[in-house]
Amino acid sequence: MITLYGITQSRAFRPLWVLEELGLDYRHVGTDFRGDGHDLEQPDYLELNPNGRIPAIVDDGFAVFES
């Protein structure tokens, strides 16, 4: 299953749209970048994406975070 990290008020909107249009099964993890102490600073997310940006996609354990 594909997991997408990001929020719709960001560039994560584009891959969310594609996933919906293609009818693929996915899990959306709302990862916010706004405000102090945002989700992108959390160690779990930085392990997944060392750049600390969104969106990030994980498909069968393979992470893609740059286009």
Protein backbone atom coordinates (compact mmCIF):
# COMPACT_ATOMS: atom_id res chain seq x y z
CA MET A 1 0.00 0.00 0.00
CA ILE A 2 1.13 3.54 -0.73
CA THR A 3 1.45 5.99 2.15
CA LEU A 4 1.47 9.71 1.38
CA TYR A 5 2.69 12.27 3.92
CA GLY A 6 1.50 15.86 3.58
CA ILE A 7 -1.58 18.06 3.71
CA THR A 8 -3.88 19.23 0.95
CA GLN A 9 -2.79 22.84 1.51
CA SER A 10 0.64 21.93 0.12
CA ARG A 11 2.15 20.28 -2.94
CA ALA A 12 0.94 16.97 -1.49
CA PHE A 13 -2.38 17.90 -3.11
CA ARG A 14 -1.00 16.82 -6.50
CA PRO A 15 -0.08 13.22 -5.64
CA LEU A 16 -3.30 12.92 -3.60
CA TRP A 17 -5.24 13.92 -6.68
CA VAL A 18 -3.38 11.38 -8.84
CA LEU A 19 -3.91 8.58 -6.32
CA GLU A 20 -7.64 9.34 -6.30
CA GLU A 21 -7.89 9.59 -10.10
CA LEU A 22 -6.09 6.25 -10.53
CA GLY A 23 -8.24 4.61 -7.87
CA LEU A 24 -5.22 3.26 -6.00
CA ASP A 25 -5.37 2.11 -2.38
CA TYR A 26 -3.40 4.51 -0.23
CA ARG A 27 -3.09 5.86 3.28
CA HIS A 28 -2.88 9.61 3.83
CA VAL A 29 -0.89 10.84 6.83
CA GLY A 30 -1.69 14.51 7.42
CA THR A 31 1.79 15.94 7.98
CA ASP A 32 1.62 19.65 8.73
CA PHE A 33 4.46 22.08 8.13
CA ARG A 34 2.87 25.19 9.62
CA GLY A 35 3.54 26.68 13.05
CA ASP A 36 6.05 25.88 15.76
CA GLY A 37 7.05 22.28 16.43
CA HIS A 38 5.50 21.08 13.20
CA ASP A 39 5.41 17.44 12.14
CA LEU A 40 8.40 17.75 9.80
CA GLU A 41 10.74 18.24 12.76
CA GLN A 42 9.77 14.93 14.38
CA PRO A 43 12.55 12.28 14.39
CA ASP A 44 10.27 9.63 12.83
CA TYR A 45 9.57 11.86 9.85
CA LEU A 46 13.20 12.96 9.47
CA GLU A 47 14.21 9.30 9.36
CA LEU A 48 11.81 8.83 6.46
CA ASN A 49 12.73 12.11 4.74
CA PRO A 50 16.01 13.68 5.90
CA ASN A 51 15.20 16.86 3.94
CA GLY A 52 12.25 17.50 6.24
CA ARG A 53 9.89 18.53 3.45
CA ILE A 54 6.59 17.34 2.07
CA PRO A 55 5.26 15.46 0.26
CA ALA A 56 6.85 12.10 0.87
CA ILE A 57 5.55 8.81 -0.48
CA VAL A 58 6.30 5.34 0.81
CA ASP A 59 5.44 2.38 -1.40
CA ASP A 60 6.21 -1.08 -0.03
CA GLY A 61 8.93 0.33 2.22
CA PHE A 62 10.57 2.42 -0.53
CA ALA A 63 10.49 6.15 0.28
CA VAL A 64 10.38 8.83 -2.39
CA PHE A 65 10.72 12.39 -1.21
CA GLU A 66 12.17 14.23 -4.20
CA SER A 67 10.61 14.46 -7.61
